[in-house]
């Protein structure tokens, strides 16, 4: 997968590739766009934890606490709202879903040096209310094997797979798959079906691997972004945290970060 050529956003072959493999790599931003995106992500990362409705999550690393995720920021950041909820990104999502799409949720995963990875999982079990959805990773920094790029499984997106108690893919299923590392250059977008198996390792390098992860659903199912965040916060408030003691950032137990 590291050797493939990225599609352009308007290339019809990208849709065929996505439907066959469950993922497709697309060129999204030029150098100026990457620089602007990095400044926007820096702005979100600088926001205080408790002075707004956005969400920050932190993990413990060998070098101390580090930011690992931010969510629910598009209502408060016009630049990121324009990028993720309008224009080219929505157009590509609509083409891949096969009908008009709308932003369902958004997050930044920072994966700073020493940051933890994510267990093998599909996104679909973590997304209530919707049946037709697509996710993507917009690379803010180059994603490499050393800093914990995604690994994916091709052609395994037809159904939700057997899961363990935490909602991740059952170990025996994980072992049966061929996992392929997916390096992504800053400014490119790796689109993947919400049932595409994926995972990522820790960042063992000295360089950050920040990435935007928006998810889109078919508009025919409703504009459900507010419902998603309301449901997530209610479940977090009602729960007792993860049984394994790791950081809870999702409605499944995929994140491997240590609590602060």
Foldseek 3Di string as FASTA:
>chain_A
DQPDDADELPDLVQLVQCVQWQKGKYFFDDPVRLVVVVVQVVVQLPDDQPPDDKHWAWFQFPVGIDTFKIWDCLVPGVVVVCVCADDSNQVSFCSNLVHRKGWQIKMKGKLAARFFKWAKAFQVVQDPQADGKKKKKQWSAWDDQQAKAKKWFTRQQPDHADDDPQRHHDPVVVVVTDIGGDTDHHRMMMMGGSRIIMMIGHNNDNGITMIMMIMMGHCVSPRCNVVSVVVVVVVVVPDPDDPVQADDDTSGPTGPGHHD
